[in-house]
Amino acid sequence: MKPRLEQLSHRKENVSFLCYEVNVPSFEFLWHYHPEYELTYIVKGKGKRLVGDSYENFGEGDLVLLGPNLPHTWITEKNKKETCCAFVIQFTHAFIEKLSAFREMSGFEKLFTKADRGLQFNKAKNKDCVLLLQRMIKSSELVKFSLLLQLLELLSNNKSIPLASAKYKPMKGNENQQRISKVFLYVEKEFRASITLKKAASIIHLSESAFCKFFKRVSGKTFSDYTNEIRIAHACKLLIETDKSIGEIAFQCGFESLTYFNRVFLRKKKMKPSIYRKM
């Protein structure tokens, strides 16, 4: 899949920012980026969230702020009985610069600097933010602007954790974007089966050694480590939502042995799968 430079409509409409609601049958894999900041709140839906080199589960109540040109996508499995819904706000760096020119807004600078890696906010303290988002969706332009300032103040004082690793740097150049997107999509589709370095390298027409160097350079991780993170994330979902044995889950997530699964799980989650399930 070719990554997309998303063209946001406010460039044409000449508005300061966009605030809208998304209702779709599912969030499909769409690895893309744009020069605008983006705040996304998940109203309905659960699945996997990919931001830079971060791959994590998400669910209802997930609130994330993304910096400019940070590749991202949300992914859910299709379910005829359920739909997905999100509130989204998008605004430009120029808009933030204008706000920061006012002394009263100086506190926002730290928030947007940290957003370069993506930020996930503490769900326990998101209630007031959600109420503002709900009002913004239905309000006039002037009221939306006022509510946005209140929202940014709340986010500035809310606890957050970075998503992409400190080593991650957004890829420059459309060719790199296309290459890494193809690899990400391959892993996303095939992680339950046997994923090989040879196959991944062939997708973007590189030798295995050149592929390993390319993948580490653009993602900050080895290919095997990235693949294991995706598999472990899916394993966590199955441990929580099903009664399947740990052995079944290990093999369904693409691990060839239970021993190796347990070793990787312990390294990634700092606990055994059985303890994770009990917690």
Protein backbone atom coordinates (compact mmCIF):
# COMPACT_ATOMS: atom_id res chain seq x y z
CA MET A 1 0.00 0.00 0.00
CA LYS A 2 1.32 3.41 -0.97
CA PRO A 3 1.50 5.90 1.93
CA ARG A 4 -0.54 9.00 1.39
CA LEU A 5 0.28 12.65 1.91
CA GLU A 6 -3.15 13.64 3.14
CA GLN A 7 -4.46 16.92 1.73
CA LEU A 8 -6.64 18.49 4.41
CA SER A 9 -9.62 20.53 3.33
CA HIS A 10 -8.89 23.57 5.52
CA ARG A 11 -6.21 24.57 3.02
CA LYS A 12 -9.00 25.29 0.58
CA GLU A 13 -11.57 26.61 3.02
CA ASN A 14 -9.11 28.98 4.71
CA VAL A 15 -10.19 28.07 8.25
CA SER A 16 -7.88 27.94 11.26
CA PHE A 17 -8.56 24.32 12.13
CA LEU A 18 -10.83 21.38 11.38
CA CYS A 19 -13.05 19.64 13.92
CA TYR A 20 -15.18 16.74 12.73
CA GLU A 21 -16.65 13.33 13.55
CA VAL A 22 -15.71 10.15 11.68
CA ASN A 23 -18.21 7.28 11.42
CA VAL A 24 -17.08 4.25 9.42
CA PRO A 25 -17.68 0.47 9.40
CA SER A 26 -14.02 -0.03 10.38
CA PHE A 27 -10.69 1.78 10.54
CA GLU A 28 -8.71 0.33 7.63
CA PHE A 29 -4.94 0.21 7.29
CA LEU A 30 -4.01 3.56 5.76
CA TRP A 31 -0.41 4.45 6.54
CA HIS A 32 -0.29 8.21 5.93
CA TYR A 33 1.06 11.50 7.19
CA HIS A 34 0.33 15.23 6.83
CA PRO A 35 2.01 18.49 7.89
CA GLU A 36 -0.81 19.30 10.34
CA TYR A 37 -1.10 18.42 14.02
CA GLU A 38 -3.90 15.95 14.73
CA LEU A 39 -5.84 15.15 17.91
CA THR A 40 -7.88 11.95 17.72
CA TYR A 41 -10.35 10.62 20.29
CA ILE A 42 -11.80 7.12 19.80
CA VAL A 43 -15.52 7.10 20.64
CA LYS A 44 -16.17 3.55 19.40
CA GLY A 45 -13.83 0.86 18.14
CA LYS A 46 -10.82 -1.17 19.20
CA GLY A 47 -7.82 -2.59 17.42
CA LYS A 48 -4.23 -1.60 16.73
CA ARG A 49 -2.70 1.87 16.59
CA LEU A 50 0.50 2.41 14.60
CA VAL A 51 2.34 5.72 15.16
CA GLY A 52 5.91 5.99 13.90
CA ASP A 53 7.55 2.83 15.28
CA SER A 54 4.92 2.36 18.01
CA TYR A 55 2.43 -0.48 17.62
CA GLU A 56 -0.14 -0.79 20.43
CA ASN A 57 -3.68 -1.85 21.19
CA PHE A 58 -6.28 0.91 21.41
CA GLY A 59 -9.90 1.04 22.51
CA GLU A 60 -12.70 3.40 23.37
CA GLY A 61 -11.43 6.47 25.19
CA ASP A 62 -8.05 6.52 23.45
CA LEU A 63 -6.87 10.14 23.08
CA VAL A 64 -3.75 10.85 20.99
CA LEU A 65 -2.02 14.02 19.77
CA LEU A 66 0.22 13.67 16.70
CA GLY A 67 2.88 16.09 15.49
CA PRO A 68 3.40 17.13 11.84
CA ASN A 69 4.52 14.52 9.30
CA LEU A 70 4.35 11.67 11.81
CA PRO A 71 3.13 8.54 9.94
CA HIS A 72 0.14 6.86 11.57
CA THR A 73 -2.90 4.65 11.15
CA TRP A 74 -5.60 3.06 13.27
CA ILE A 75 -6.73 -0.47 12.34
CA THR A 76 -9.81 -2.46 13.39
CA GLU A 77 -11.24 -5.77 12.27
CA LYS A 78 -14.44 -5.56 10.27
CA ASN A 79 -17.56 -6.41 12.26
CA LYS A 80 -21.01 -6.17 10.68
CA LYS A 81 -22.63 -5.61 14.09
CA GLU A 82 -20.37 -2.74 15.15
CA THR A 83 -19.14 0.53 13.65
CA CYS A 84 -16.23 2.81 14.52
CA CYS A 85 -16.42 6.45 15.54
CA ALA A 86 -13.78 9.09 16.28
CA PHE A 87 -13.57 12.83 16.96
CA VAL A 88 -10.71 14.50 15.08
CA ILE A 89 -9.17 17.98 15.28
CA GLN A 90 -6.48 19.08 12.81
CA PHE A 91 -4.56 22.37 12.74
CA THR A 92 -1.40 23.74 11.18
CA HIS A 93 1.95 24.67 12.70
CA ALA A 94 1.34 28.25 11.52
CA PHE A 95 -1.84 28.32 13.62
CA ILE A 96 0.09 27.20 16.69
CA GLU A 97 2.82 29.79 16.07
CA LYS A 98 0.21 32.55 16.03
CA LEU A 99 -1.23 31.33 19.32
CA SER A 100 2.21 31.04 20.90
CA ALA A 101 2.89 34.70 20.09
CA PHE A 102 0.54 35.58 22.95
CA ARG A 103 2.18 35.37 26.38
CA GLU A 104 -0.87 33.62 27.83
CA MET A 105 -0.40 30.76 25.36
CA SER A 106 3.28 30.13 26.07
CA GLY A 107 2.44 26.97 28.01
CA PHE A 108 1.37 25.25 24.80
CA GLU A 109 4.90 25.19 23.37
CA LYS A 110 6.06 22.24 25.48
CA LEU A 111 2.96 20.24 24.55
CA PHE A 112 3.52 20.62 20.82
CA THR A 113 7.25 19.94 21.06
CA LYS A 114 6.52 16.60 22.72
CA ALA A 115 3.84 15.86 20.13
CA ASP A 116 6.55 15.26 17.52
CA ARG A 117 6.69 11.65 18.78
CA GLY A 118 2.95 11.38 19.34
CA LEU A 119 1.33 11.56 22.79
CA GLN A 120 -1.23 9.31 24.43
CA PHE A 121 -3.12 10.94 27.29
CA ASN A 122 -4.17 9.42 30.59
CA LYS A 123 -7.67 7.97 30.15
CA ALA A 124 -8.54 8.54 33.80
CA LYS A 125 -8.20 12.31 33.35
CA ASN A 126 -9.74 12.68 29.89
CA LYS A 127 -13.34 13.25 30.97
CA ASP A 128 -13.23 17.06 30.73
CA CYS A 129 -11.39 16.87 27.40
CA VAL A 130 -14.08 14.58 25.99
CA LEU A 131 -16.86 16.91 27.09
CA LEU A 132 -15.15 19.79 25.26
CA LEU A 133 -14.71 17.65 22.14
CA GLN A 134 -18.38 16.71 22.16
CA ARG A 135 -19.36 20.37 22.38
CA MET A 136 -16.94 21.39 19.64
CA ILE A 137 -18.46 18.98 17.13
CA LYS A 138 -21.84 20.74 17.42
CA SER A 139 -20.77 24.35 17.97
CA SER A 140 -20.36 27.42 15.75
CA GLU A 141 -16.91 28.41 14.50
CA LEU A 142 -16.35 31.07 17.16
CA VAL A 143 -17.41 28.78 20.01
CA LYS A 144 -15.21 26.01 18.59
CA PHE A 145 -12.22 28.34 18.75
CA SER A 146 -12.91 29.18 22.39
CA LEU A 147 -13.37 25.52 23.28
CA LEU A 148 -10.15 24.57 21.49
CA LEU A 149 -8.15 26.92 23.71
CA GLN A 150 -9.71 25.33 26.78
CA LEU A 151 -8.95 21.88 25.40
CA LEU A 152 -5.29 22.71 24.73
CA GLU A 153 -4.93 24.03 28.28
CA LEU A 154 -6.32 20.77 29.69
CA LEU A 155 -4.00 18.69 27.50
CA SER A 156 -1.01 20.79 28.58
CA ASN A 157 -1.71 19.85 32.20
CA ASN A 158 -2.68 16.22 31.55
CA LYS A 159 -0.25 13.34 31.94
CA SER A 160 0.87 11.78 28.67
CA ILE A 161 3.29 9.20 27.38
CA PRO A 162 5.23 9.40 24.08
CA LEU A 163 4.37 6.82 21.43
CA ALA A 164 7.21 6.71 18.89
CA SER A 165 10.61 5.89 20.37
CA ALA A 166 13.25 8.58 20.93
CA LYS A 167 15.30 6.99 18.13
CA TYR A 168 12.48 7.25 15.61
CA LYS A 169 12.73 9.93 12.95
CA PRO A 170 10.00 10.48 10.34
CA MET A 171 11.20 9.26 6.98
CA LYS A 172 12.07 11.85 4.40
CA GLY A 173 11.26 11.23 0.78
CA ASN A 174 8.31 9.63 -0.90
CA GLU A 175 10.33 6.57 -1.95
CA ASN A 176 11.17 5.63 1.65
CA GLN A 177 7.54 6.14 2.63
CA GLN A 178 6.39 3.78 -0.09
CA ARG A 179 8.95 1.14 0.82
CA ILE A 180 8.32 1.03 4.55
CA SER A 181 4.56 1.13 4.01
CA LYS A 182 4.72 -2.01 1.91
CA VAL A 183 6.68 -3.79 4.65
CA PHE A 184 4.32 -2.65 7.42
CA LEU A 185 1.31 -3.83 5.45
CA TYR A 186 2.96 -7.20 4.76
CA VAL A 187 3.60 -7.75 8.48
CA GLU A 188 0.11 -6.56 9.43
CA LYS A 189 -1.50 -9.06 7.06
CA GLU A 190 0.80 -12.02 7.60
CA PHE A 191 2.00 -11.90 11.23
CA ARG A 192 -0.17 -14.92 12.13
CA ALA A 193 1.68 -17.00 9.55
CA SER A 194 5.35 -17.49 8.79
CA ILE A 195 7.02 -14.15 8.08
CA THR A 196 10.47 -14.34 6.53
CA LEU A 197 13.19 -11.80 6.12
CA LYS A 198 13.69 -13.00 2.54
CA LYS A 199 10.05 -12.31 1.63
CA ALA A 200 10.03 -8.89 3.31
CA ALA A 201 13.21 -7.87 1.50
CA SER A 202 11.87 -9.06 -1.85
CA ILE A 203 8.77 -6.87 -1.48
CA ILE A 204 10.89 -3.73 -1.79
CA HIS A 205 13.52 -5.30 -4.05
CA LEU A 206 16.46 -5.28 -1.63
CA SER A 207 18.94 -7.92 -0.58
CA GLU A 208 18.44 -9.24 2.94
CA SER A 209 21.48 -7.38 4.31
CA ALA A 210 20.45 -4.10 2.63
CA PHE A 211 16.89 -4.56 3.88
CA CYS A 212 18.04 -5.03 7.49
CA LYS A 213 20.05 -1.80 7.34
CA PHE A 214 17.18 0.09 5.69
CA PHE A 215 14.58 -1.12 8.18
CA LYS A 216 16.74 -0.32 11.21
CA ARG A 217 17.57 3.12 9.84
CA VAL A 218 13.98 4.20 9.22
CA SER A 219 12.27 2.47 12.17
CA GLY A 220 14.94 2.35 14.85
CA LYS A 221 14.26 -1.38 15.33
CA THR A 222 15.30 -4.65 13.76
CA PHE A 223 12.75 -6.35 11.52
CA SER A 224 12.39 -9.33 13.88
CA ASP A 225 11.87 -7.05 16.89
CA TYR A 226 9.17 -5.08 15.06
CA THR A 227 7.42 -8.29 13.97
CA ASN A 228 7.52 -9.64 17.52
CA GLU A 229 6.01 -6.43 18.88
CA ILE A 230 3.04 -6.80 16.55
CA ARG A 231 2.61 -10.45 17.49
CA ILE A 232 2.84 -9.73 21.22
CA ALA A 233 0.30 -6.90 20.92
CA HIS A 234 -2.16 -9.34 19.32
CA ALA A 235 -1.35 -11.97 21.95
CA CYS A 236 -2.22 -9.49 24.71
CA LYS A 237 -5.61 -8.93 23.09
CA LEU A 238 -6.31 -12.68 22.97
CA LEU A 239 -5.14 -13.18 26.56
CA ILE A 240 -7.64 -10.58 27.73
CA GLU A 241 -10.60 -11.34 25.48
CA THR A 242 -10.52 -15.14 25.12
CA ASP A 243 -10.13 -18.29 27.22
CA LYS A 244 -7.74 -19.90 24.76
CA SER A 245 -4.68 -21.58 26.23
CA ILE A 246 -1.39 -19.73 26.14
CA GLY A 247 -0.05 -22.35 23.75
CA GLU A 248 -2.94 -21.78 21.32
CA ILE A 249 -2.43 -18.04 21.47
CA ALA A 250 1.30 -18.34 20.85
CA PHE A 251 0.80 -20.35 17.66
CA GLN A 252 -2.11 -18.17 16.46
CA CYS A 253 0.16 -15.14 16.73
CA GLY A 254 2.84 -16.68 14.54
CA PHE A 255 5.30 -18.02 17.13
CA GLU A 256 6.76 -21.38 16.22
CA SER A 257 7.32 -22.51 19.80
CA LEU A 258 5.77 -21.80 23.17
CA THR A 259 9.21 -21.43 24.74
CA TYR A 260 10.18 -18.65 22.35
CA PHE A 261 6.80 -16.93 22.82
CA ASN A 262 7.20 -16.94 26.60
CA ARG A 263 10.72 -15.55 26.31
CA VAL A 264 9.68 -12.73 23.96
CA PHE A 265 6.56 -11.92 26.02
CA LEU A 266 8.62 -11.66 29.21
CA ARG A 267 11.13 -9.35 27.49
CA LYS A 268 8.43 -7.09 26.05
CA LYS A 269 5.94 -6.98 28.93
CA LYS A 270 8.24 -7.66 31.89
CA MET A 271 5.96 -10.49 33.07
CA LYS A 272 4.81 -13.96 32.05
CA PRO A 273 1.67 -14.36 29.86
CA SER A 274 -0.17 -16.10 32.69
CA ILE A 275 0.46 -13.17 35.05
CA TYR A 276 -0.62 -10.69 32.36
CA ARG A 277 -3.91 -12.57 31.94
CA LYS A 278 -4.59 -12.56 35.70
CA MET A 279 -3.89 -8.83 35.96
